[in-house]
Amino acid sequence: MDALTEELLGVVVSHVDYGEADRIVHLVTPERGHVAAMARGARKSKKRFGGALDIGNRVRLRMSRGKGELWRLTGATLDHGRPHARGDIERIALSVYACELVGLLCPKEQPAPIFYGLLDTALLVLDACSGPPSTAWRPALEAKALTFAGFAPRLESCDVCGLEATGDLVFSASNGGVRHAMCGGGVEVSEAFVRALERGRRTPLAELVDVELPPGDSWLLNELLVWHVGRALKSRSLLDVL
């Protein structure tokens, strides 16, 4: 192998068509975090990469440095294609959402095994489920990703008075989590809902597939994500209608 070529394991998180035949592929890898690579001829020749570059796939990559920030993808072999998760639209939508979420928060061009592990685990859990996971699963994934990125949602204490988050509570994305209603404004949330979000943040994803959230807005942590990164996730729109 050429000294300038690297072999990596990665998960495809997105891709963009380029020109008439090429494709820019974004991946999350343990060694280099979020990387973007040019796959020459990926759309013209089915033999070169096959279906290896589909979103959510775990692939074995062979890459070399290209010009600028783009790597040059010279080879990709499918390692795990999540075939069962592709069996229903909701698990497909959750897989794409997980890829966009982790891909957005994962640091670029630096080691990020914790993000790679979170994403690969999430996709493996979706693939192993007999159907879509229950309502606690996605917010738990969001909570874990935000925590790994340094944006941990505050769910146990009030940011104003510092006391335990009990009684009448509100959630404020701009303030990073919950506070007592008497301490400031936000979206009303129940103590049971907040405690369920915190349990989800600390519980393995595989143990949450059958866990339901108490009544409440399940997109609260997504709003916290949007506040931090400055834009909405495109993949949320499909989940909204399912």
Protein backbone atom coordinates (compact mmCIF):
# COMPACT_ATOMS: atom_id res chain seq x y z
CA MET A 1 0.00 0.00 0.00
CA ASP A 2 1.27 3.47 -0.92
CA ALA A 3 2.55 5.47 2.05
CA LEU A 4 0.03 8.21 1.24
CA THR A 5 -2.91 5.80 1.18
CA GLU A 6 -4.89 4.97 4.31
CA GLU A 7 -7.24 2.08 5.01
CA LEU A 8 -10.08 2.96 7.35
CA LEU A 9 -13.38 1.64 8.60
CA GLY A 10 -16.19 4.17 8.35
CA VAL A 11 -19.93 4.78 8.19
CA VAL A 12 -21.41 6.68 5.25
CA VAL A 13 -23.41 9.62 6.63
CA SER A 14 -24.25 11.53 3.44
CA HIS A 15 -23.26 12.04 -0.18
CA VAL A 16 -23.60 14.71 -2.84
CA ASP A 17 -23.50 14.19 -6.60
CA TYR A 18 -20.67 16.03 -8.32
CA GLY A 19 -20.44 16.58 -12.07
CA GLU A 20 -21.80 13.92 -14.38
CA ALA A 21 -20.30 10.80 -12.80
CA ASP A 22 -18.67 11.56 -9.46
CA ARG A 23 -19.91 11.69 -5.88
CA ILE A 24 -18.61 13.40 -2.74
CA VAL A 25 -19.08 11.02 0.18
CA HIS A 26 -19.10 12.05 3.84
CA LEU A 27 -18.07 9.46 6.42
CA VAL A 28 -17.57 9.10 10.16
CA THR A 29 -14.42 7.15 11.02
CA PRO A 30 -12.75 6.30 14.35
CA GLU A 31 -9.31 7.55 13.34
CA ARG A 32 -10.13 10.74 11.45
CA GLY A 33 -13.62 11.67 12.57
CA HIS A 34 -15.78 13.25 9.87
CA VAL A 35 -14.09 13.12 6.47
CA ALA A 36 -15.22 13.97 2.95
CA ALA A 37 -13.91 12.03 -0.04
CA MET A 38 -14.32 12.24 -3.79
CA ALA A 39 -15.48 8.98 -5.35
CA ARG A 40 -14.60 9.30 -9.02
CA GLY A 41 -17.01 7.49 -11.33
CA ALA A 42 -19.24 6.35 -8.46
CA ARG A 43 -22.42 7.17 -10.40
CA LYS A 44 -21.19 5.98 -13.78
CA SER A 45 -19.85 2.54 -12.96
CA LYS A 46 -21.84 0.14 -10.76
CA LYS A 47 -18.88 -2.22 -10.57
CA ARG A 48 -16.43 0.16 -8.93
CA PHE A 49 -18.23 0.76 -5.63
CA GLY A 50 -21.47 -1.17 -6.07
CA GLY A 51 -23.90 -0.30 -3.29
CA ALA A 52 -21.16 0.19 -0.70
CA LEU A 53 -21.64 3.96 -0.50
CA ASP A 54 -25.30 3.98 0.55
CA ILE A 55 -26.07 6.08 3.64
CA GLY A 56 -25.76 4.06 6.86
CA ASN A 57 -23.42 1.42 5.46
CA ARG A 58 -20.30 0.45 7.35
CA VAL A 59 -17.52 0.23 4.77
CA ARG A 60 -13.84 -0.60 4.56
CA LEU A 61 -12.21 2.33 2.80
CA ARG A 62 -9.02 2.93 0.90
CA MET A 63 -8.31 6.65 0.62
CA SER A 64 -5.49 8.98 -0.29
CA ARG A 65 -5.04 12.71 0.11
CA GLY A 66 -6.57 14.80 -2.66
CA LYS A 67 -6.56 18.54 -3.19
CA GLY A 68 -7.87 20.80 -0.45
CA GLU A 69 -10.01 19.19 2.22
CA LEU A 70 -11.26 16.35 0.05
CA TRP A 71 -9.76 12.88 0.22
CA ARG A 72 -9.71 10.67 -2.86
CA LEU A 73 -11.66 7.44 -2.38
CA THR A 74 -9.89 4.70 -4.31
CA GLY A 75 -11.74 1.71 -2.90
CA ALA A 76 -14.72 0.82 -0.72
CA THR A 77 -15.91 -2.62 0.37
CA LEU A 78 -19.19 -3.16 2.16
CA ASP A 79 -18.68 -4.40 5.72
CA HIS A 80 -22.29 -4.19 7.01
CA GLY A 81 -25.26 -2.98 4.96
CA ARG A 82 -27.96 -2.91 7.72
CA PRO A 83 -30.27 -5.06 5.55
CA HIS A 84 -33.02 -5.55 8.14
CA ALA A 85 -33.26 -1.85 9.04
CA ARG A 86 -34.02 -1.14 5.40
CA GLY A 87 -37.18 -3.22 5.72
CA ASP A 88 -39.49 -0.44 6.86
CA ILE A 89 -39.69 3.28 6.23
CA GLU A 90 -39.48 4.37 9.88
CA ARG A 91 -36.24 2.53 10.54
CA ILE A 92 -34.84 3.90 7.29
CA ALA A 93 -35.79 7.42 8.39
CA LEU A 94 -34.25 6.89 11.85
CA SER A 95 -31.06 5.54 10.26
CA VAL A 96 -30.72 8.60 8.04
CA TYR A 97 -31.48 10.87 11.00
CA ALA A 98 -28.82 9.14 13.12
CA CYS A 99 -26.28 9.58 10.33
CA GLU A 100 -27.07 13.27 9.89
CA LEU A 101 -27.07 13.90 13.66
CA VAL A 102 -23.74 12.23 14.39
CA GLY A 103 -22.16 13.43 11.16
CA LEU A 104 -23.02 17.01 12.06
CA LEU A 105 -21.58 16.83 15.58
CA CYS A 106 -18.55 14.64 14.87
CA PRO A 107 -15.28 16.63 14.71
CA LYS A 108 -13.51 16.78 11.36
CA GLU A 109 -10.11 15.33 10.67
CA GLN A 110 -9.35 14.20 14.22
CA PRO A 111 -9.84 10.94 16.13
CA ALA A 112 -13.48 10.42 17.10
CA PRO A 113 -13.97 6.78 18.14
CA ILE A 114 -16.79 7.72 20.52
CA PHE A 115 -18.87 9.24 17.70
CA TYR A 116 -18.13 6.36 15.35
CA GLY A 117 -19.07 3.89 18.10
CA LEU A 118 -22.32 5.71 18.88
CA LEU A 119 -23.41 5.82 15.24
CA ASP A 120 -22.42 2.24 14.42
CA THR A 121 -24.16 1.00 17.58
CA ALA A 122 -27.33 2.95 16.77
CA LEU A 123 -27.46 1.49 13.27
CA LEU A 124 -26.79 -2.03 14.53
CA VAL A 125 -29.61 -1.67 17.08
CA LEU A 126 -32.01 -0.48 14.37
CA ASP A 127 -30.97 -3.41 12.21
CA ALA A 128 -31.54 -5.89 15.04
CA CYS A 129 -35.02 -4.59 15.95
CA SER A 130 -38.07 -6.43 14.71
CA GLY A 131 -39.64 -3.03 14.04
CA PRO A 132 -39.20 0.67 14.85
CA PRO A 133 -38.00 1.37 18.42
CA SER A 134 -40.25 3.06 20.97
CA THR A 135 -40.37 6.78 21.71
CA ALA A 136 -37.48 6.95 24.21
CA TRP A 137 -34.91 5.72 21.67
CA ARG A 138 -34.37 8.74 19.43
CA PRO A 139 -34.18 11.37 22.22
CA ALA A 140 -31.65 9.13 23.98
CA LEU A 141 -29.52 9.08 20.83
CA GLU A 142 -29.74 12.88 20.66
CA ALA A 143 -28.81 13.22 24.33
CA LYS A 144 -25.75 11.00 23.91
CA ALA A 145 -24.56 12.77 20.75
CA LEU A 146 -25.00 16.21 22.34
CA THR A 147 -23.11 15.07 25.44
CA PHE A 148 -20.20 13.70 23.40
CA ALA A 149 -20.05 17.01 21.50
CA GLY A 150 -19.79 19.01 24.73
CA PHE A 151 -23.39 20.25 24.62
CA ALA A 152 -24.77 17.99 27.35
CA PRO A 153 -28.39 18.91 28.08
CA ARG A 154 -28.91 20.01 31.68
CA LEU A 155 -31.69 17.78 32.97
CA GLU A 156 -31.12 17.36 36.70
CA SER A 157 -30.78 20.87 38.11
CA CYS A 158 -31.93 24.43 37.46
CA ASP A 159 -29.35 26.68 35.80
CA VAL A 160 -30.59 29.71 37.73
CA CYS A 161 -30.84 28.56 41.33
CA GLY A 162 -28.82 25.34 41.06
CA LEU A 163 -31.40 23.29 42.95
CA GLU A 164 -32.70 19.89 41.87
CA ALA A 165 -35.10 20.03 38.93
CA THR A 166 -38.36 19.12 40.62
CA GLY A 167 -41.88 20.53 40.66
CA ASP A 168 -43.00 22.94 37.94
CA LEU A 169 -40.33 22.94 35.22
CA VAL A 170 -39.65 24.51 31.83
CA PHE A 171 -37.14 23.62 29.10
CA SER A 172 -35.15 26.33 27.34
CA ALA A 173 -32.90 25.43 24.40
CA SER A 174 -31.06 28.76 24.62
CA ASN A 175 -30.26 28.09 28.27
CA GLY A 176 -29.21 24.50 27.68
CA GLY A 177 -31.92 22.55 29.48
CA VAL A 178 -34.42 22.70 32.33
CA ARG A 179 -35.08 25.27 35.01
CA HIS A 180 -37.81 25.89 37.55
CA ALA A 181 -40.79 27.72 36.11
CA MET A 182 -40.36 30.40 38.77
CA CYS A 183 -36.76 30.94 37.64
CA GLY A 184 -37.43 31.77 33.99
CA GLY A 185 -39.32 31.07 30.79
CA GLY A 186 -39.41 28.11 28.45
CA VAL A 187 -41.57 25.21 27.30
CA GLU A 188 -43.45 23.49 30.12
CA VAL A 189 -42.20 19.98 30.86
CA SER A 190 -43.08 17.45 33.52
CA GLU A 191 -40.61 16.16 36.05
CA ALA A 192 -41.33 12.61 34.85
CA PHE A 193 -40.49 13.56 31.26
CA VAL A 194 -37.21 15.22 32.21
CA ARG A 195 -36.16 12.26 34.36
CA ALA A 196 -36.94 9.91 31.46
CA LEU A 197 -34.70 11.95 29.15
CA GLU A 198 -31.86 11.75 31.67
CA ARG A 199 -32.29 7.98 32.06
CA GLY A 200 -32.16 7.66 28.29
CA ARG A 201 -28.94 9.61 28.13
CA ARG A 202 -27.30 7.13 30.52
CA THR A 203 -28.87 3.91 29.21
CA PRO A 204 -27.49 1.80 26.33
CA LEU A 205 -29.54 2.21 23.16
CA ALA A 206 -30.17 -1.53 22.95
CA GLU A 207 -32.04 -1.35 26.25
CA LEU A 208 -34.37 1.42 25.08
CA VAL A 209 -36.05 -0.11 22.04
CA ASP A 210 -39.19 -0.95 24.02
CA VAL A 211 -39.20 2.05 26.38
CA GLU A 212 -41.88 4.73 26.01
CA LEU A 213 -41.43 8.35 27.07
CA PRO A 214 -43.99 9.96 29.38
CA PRO A 215 -46.19 12.58 27.66
CA GLY A 216 -44.15 15.52 26.42
CA ASP A 217 -42.44 17.07 23.39
CA SER A 218 -40.02 14.41 22.15
CA TRP A 219 -38.22 16.97 19.95
CA LEU A 220 -36.93 19.12 22.82
CA LEU A 221 -33.36 17.86 22.51
CA ASN A 222 -33.51 18.33 18.76
CA GLU A 223 -34.31 21.98 19.43
CA LEU A 224 -31.27 22.18 21.69
CA LEU A 225 -29.17 20.73 18.85
CA VAL A 226 -30.54 23.30 16.41
CA TRP A 227 -29.72 26.11 18.83
CA HIS A 228 -26.10 24.94 19.08
CA VAL A 229 -25.41 24.19 15.40
CA GLY A 230 -27.57 26.94 13.87
CA ARG A 231 -29.63 24.87 11.46
CA ALA A 232 -32.33 22.22 11.39
CA LEU A 233 -31.65 18.63 10.39
CA LYS A 234 -33.06 17.87 6.95
CA SER A 235 -33.92 14.29 7.91
CA ARG A 236 -36.35 15.39 10.64
CA SER A 237 -39.03 16.24 8.07
CA LEU A 238 -39.63 12.59 7.18
CA LEU A 239 -39.83 11.53 10.83
CA ASP A 240 -42.37 14.29 11.45
CA VAL A 241 -44.86 12.67 9.08
CA LEU A 242 -44.36 9.07 10.21
